[in-house]
C-alpha atoms as a PDB file:
ATOM      1  CA  MET A   1     -66.156  11.812  -5.662  1.00  0.00           C
ATOM      2  CA  SER A   2     -63.884   9.535  -3.674  1.00  0.00           C
ATOM      3  CA  VAL A   3     -64.027   8.613  -0.007  1.00  0.00           C
ATOM      4  CA  LEU A   4     -60.983   9.227   2.185  1.00  0.00           C
ATOM      5  CA  GLN A   5     -60.820   7.355   5.484  1.00  0.00           C
ATOM      6  CA  THR A   6     -58.665   8.837   8.232  1.00  0.00           C
ATOM      7  CA  ALA A   7     -57.117   6.985  11.137  1.00  0.00           C
ATOM      8  CA  PRO A   8     -58.804   7.205  14.530  1.00  0.00           C
ATOM      9  CA  SER A   9     -58.460  10.683  15.985  1.00  0.00           C
ATOM     10  CA  LYS A  10     -57.841  11.682  19.575  1.00  0.00           C
ATOM     11  CA  LEU A  11     -61.553  10.995  20.096  1.00  0.00           C
ATOM     12  CA  ASP A  12     -60.837   7.445  18.866  1.00  0.00           C
ATOM     13  CA  GLN A  13     -63.116   7.753  15.833  1.00  0.00           C
ATOM     14  CA  ASP A  14     -62.456   7.113  12.155  1.00  0.00           C
ATOM     15  CA  ARG A  15     -63.579   9.852   9.791  1.00  0.00           C
ATOM     16  CA  LEU A  16     -64.827   9.517   6.236  1.00  0.00           C
ATOM     17  CA  LEU A  17     -64.344  12.539   3.977  1.00  0.00           C
ATOM     18  CA  LEU A  18     -65.614  13.096   0.451  1.00  0.00           C
ATOM     19  CA  VAL A  19     -62.802  14.348  -1.779  1.00  0.00           C
ATOM     20  CA  SER A  20     -62.554  15.024  -5.488  1.00  0.00           C
ATOM     21  CA  PRO A  21     -60.641  12.474  -7.574  1.00  0.00           C
ATOM     22  CA  GLU A  22     -57.946  15.115  -8.197  1.00  0.00           C
ATOM     23  CA  LEU A  23     -57.423  15.720  -4.469  1.00  0.00           C
ATOM     24  CA  GLY A  24     -57.362  11.967  -3.896  1.00  0.00           C
ATOM     25  CA  GLU A  25     -54.563  11.649  -6.465  1.00  0.00           C
ATOM     26  CA  VAL A  26     -52.557  14.460  -4.851  1.00  0.00           C
ATOM     27  CA  LEU A  27     -52.908  12.928  -1.366  1.00  0.00           C
ATOM     28  CA  THR A  28     -51.901   9.525  -2.725  1.00  0.00           C
ATOM     29  CA  ALA A  29     -48.778  11.051  -4.302  1.00  0.00           C
ATOM     30  CA  ILE A  30     -47.851  12.795  -1.033  1.00  0.00           C
ATOM     31  CA  ILE A  31     -48.288   9.597   0.968  1.00  0.00           C
ATOM     32  CA  ARG A  32     -46.159   7.591  -1.509  1.00  0.00           C
ATOM     33  CA  CYS A  33     -43.433  10.231  -1.344  1.00  0.00           C
ATOM     34  CA  VAL A  34     -43.417  10.342   2.464  1.00  0.00           C
ATOM     35  CA  ARG A  35     -43.419   6.555   2.834  1.00  0.00           C
ATOM     36  CA  HIS A  36     -40.259   6.171   0.704  1.00  0.00           C
ATOM     37  CA  GLY A  37     -41.417   2.673  -0.337  1.00  0.00           C
ATOM     38  CA  ASN A  38     -42.291   1.592   3.222  1.00  0.00           C
ATOM     39  CA  ARG A  39     -45.690   0.150   4.157  1.00  0.00           C
ATOM     40  CA  ALA A  40     -46.352   2.767   6.839  1.00  0.00           C
ATOM     41  CA  MET A  41     -45.575   6.447   7.082  1.00  0.00           C
ATOM     42  CA  PRO A  42     -42.571   7.190   9.302  1.00  0.00           C
ATOM     43  CA  LEU A  43     -43.079   8.424  12.842  1.00  0.00           C
ATOM     44  CA  VAL A  44     -41.760  11.973  13.246  1.00  0.00           C
ATOM     45  CA  SER A  45     -42.063  14.822  15.753  1.00  0.00           C
ATOM     46  CA  ALA A  46     -43.306  18.345  15.038  1.00  0.00           C
ATOM     47  CA  TYR A  47     -42.906  21.529  17.042  1.00  0.00           C
ATOM     48  CA  ASP A  48     -46.162  23.092  18.297  1.00  0.00           C
ATOM     49  CA  SER A  49     -45.543  26.837  18.528  1.00  0.00           C
ATOM     50  CA  LEU A  50     -48.693  27.385  20.618  1.00  0.00           C
ATOM     51  CA  GLU A  51     -47.800  24.768  23.233  1.00  0.00           C
ATOM     52  CA  ARG A  52     -44.047  25.359  22.773  1.00  0.00           C
ATOM     53  CA  LEU A  53     -43.467  21.622  22.870  1.00  0.00           C
ATOM     54  CA  TRP A  54     -42.309  18.896  20.530  1.00  0.00           C
ATOM     55  CA  SER A  55     -44.985  16.316  19.823  1.00  0.00           C
ATOM     56  CA  ALA A  56     -44.578  12.651  20.462  1.00  0.00           C
ATOM     57  CA  PRO A  57     -43.567  10.805  17.283  1.00  0.00           C
ATOM     58  CA  MET A  58     -46.623  10.503  15.003  1.00  0.00           C
ATOM     59  CA  ARG A  59     -47.444   9.793  11.353  1.00  0.00           C
ATOM     60  CA  PHE A  60     -47.693  13.366  10.056  1.00  0.00           C
ATOM     61  CA  LEU A  61     -48.890  13.608   6.455  1.00  0.00           C
ATOM     62  CA  PHE A  62     -46.733  16.677   5.790  1.00  0.00           C
ATOM     63  CA  GLN A  63     -43.083  15.959   6.614  1.00  0.00           C
ATOM     64  CA  HIS A  64     -39.719  17.337   5.534  1.00  0.00           C
ATOM     65  CA  HIS A  65     -36.032  16.586   5.949  1.00  0.00           C
ATOM     66  CA  CYS A  66     -34.345  18.776   8.557  1.00  0.00           C
ATOM     67  CA  GLY A  67     -30.662  17.987   8.810  1.00  0.00           C
ATOM     68  CA  PRO A  68     -30.207  14.289   9.577  1.00  0.00           C
ATOM     69  CA  GLU A  69     -33.869  13.669  10.550  1.00  0.00           C
ATOM     70  CA  ASP A  70     -37.402  13.991   9.271  1.00  0.00           C
ATOM     71  CA  ARG A  71     -39.884  16.289  11.021  1.00  0.00           C
ATOM     72  CA  GLY A  72     -43.540  17.152  10.704  1.00  0.00           C
ATOM     73  CA  ILE A  73     -44.276  20.465   9.024  1.00  0.00           C
ATOM     74  CA  PRO A  74     -45.821  22.854  11.595  1.00  0.00           C
ATOM     75  CA  HIS A  75     -49.547  23.489  11.178  1.00  0.00           C
ATOM     76  CA  ASN A  76     -49.145  27.274  11.123  1.00  0.00           C
ATOM     77  CA  TYR A  77     -46.890  26.982   8.046  1.00  0.00           C
ATOM     78  CA  ILE A  78     -49.480  24.790   6.291  1.00  0.00           C
ATOM     79  CA  TYR A  79     -52.250  27.334   7.085  1.00  0.00           C
ATOM     80  CA  THR A  80     -50.062  30.120   5.674  1.00  0.00           C
ATOM     81  CA  CYS A  81     -49.463  28.166   2.451  1.00  0.00           C
ATOM     82  CA  PHE A  82     -53.184  27.412   2.042  1.00  0.00           C
ATOM     83  CA  ASN A  83     -54.152  31.049   2.619  1.00  0.00           C
ATOM     84  CA  ASP A  84     -51.455  32.307   0.227  1.00  0.00           C
ATOM     85  CA  ALA A  85     -52.799  29.920  -2.446  1.00  0.00           C
ATOM     86  CA  LEU A  86     -56.367  31.124  -1.826  1.00  0.00           C
ATOM     87  CA  ALA A  87     -55.265  34.764  -2.099  1.00  0.00           C
ATOM     88  CA  ALA A  88     -53.416  34.056  -5.354  1.00  0.00           C
ATOM     89  CA  SER A  89     -56.474  32.270  -6.784  1.00  0.00           C
ATOM     90  CA  GLY A  90     -58.573  35.439  -6.615  1.00  0.00           C
ATOM     91  CA  LEU A  91     -61.559  33.458  -5.337  1.00  0.00           C
ATOM     92  CA  THR A  92     -63.926  35.362  -3.057  1.00  0.00           C
ATOM     93  CA  GLY A  93     -66.723  34.448  -0.719  1.00  0.00           C
ATOM     94  CA  PRO A  94     -70.091  36.072  -0.067  1.00  0.00           C
ATOM     95  CA  GLY A  95     -69.710  39.856   0.003  1.00  0.00           C
ATOM     96  CA  ASP A  96     -66.521  39.625  -2.100  1.00  0.00           C
ATOM     97  CA  GLU A  97     -64.318  38.956   0.939  1.00  0.00           C
ATOM     98  CA  GLN A  98     -61.146  36.970   0.378  1.00  0.00           C
ATOM     99  CA  LEU A  99     -61.481  33.282   1.200  1.00  0.00           C
ATOM    100  CA  ARG A 100     -59.422  32.068   4.163  1.00  0.00           C
ATOM    101  CA  TYR A 101     -58.596  28.559   5.259  1.00  0.00           C
ATOM    102  CA  MET A 102     -59.872  27.964   8.791  1.00  0.00           C
ATOM    103  CA  PRO A 103     -58.868  24.698  10.502  1.00  0.00           C
ATOM    104  CA  ARG A 104     -61.577  22.603  12.081  1.00  0.00           C
ATOM    105  CA  THR A 105     -61.352  22.308  15.845  1.00  0.00           C
ATOM    106  CA  THR A 106     -62.200  19.172  17.841  1.00  0.00           C
ATOM    107  CA  SER A 107     -65.623  20.641  18.664  1.00  0.00           C
ATOM    108  CA  GLY A 108     -66.442  20.879  14.962  1.00  0.00           C
ATOM    109  CA  GLU A 109     -66.410  24.679  14.870  1.00  0.00           C
ATOM    110  CA  SER A 110     -64.044  26.867  12.881  1.00  0.00           C
ATOM    111  CA  SER A 111     -61.593  29.038  14.756  1.00  0.00           C
END
């Protein structure tokens, strides 16, 4: 297992996560791609469909080119991709129910 350290969150705390070496390699590849050879990830905005607002520029891990600018990929699209991948995997949980990706909230509970 590898340890992944995240930047301070809105609660101003670093987080340490245990990840498999394979996931660590994938995240490293994504970060290299997004940085485009720069030391830091670019600051971009993302649209929050729940708040109906554009975020302040931040270092989003998942970014894409949209016309002449880069933007953060909306979280609801990422959740959809994760859940589609879980459905395609055929993996099931207790009781044979389909696994679903549930984002962690700031309180530490799943929504």
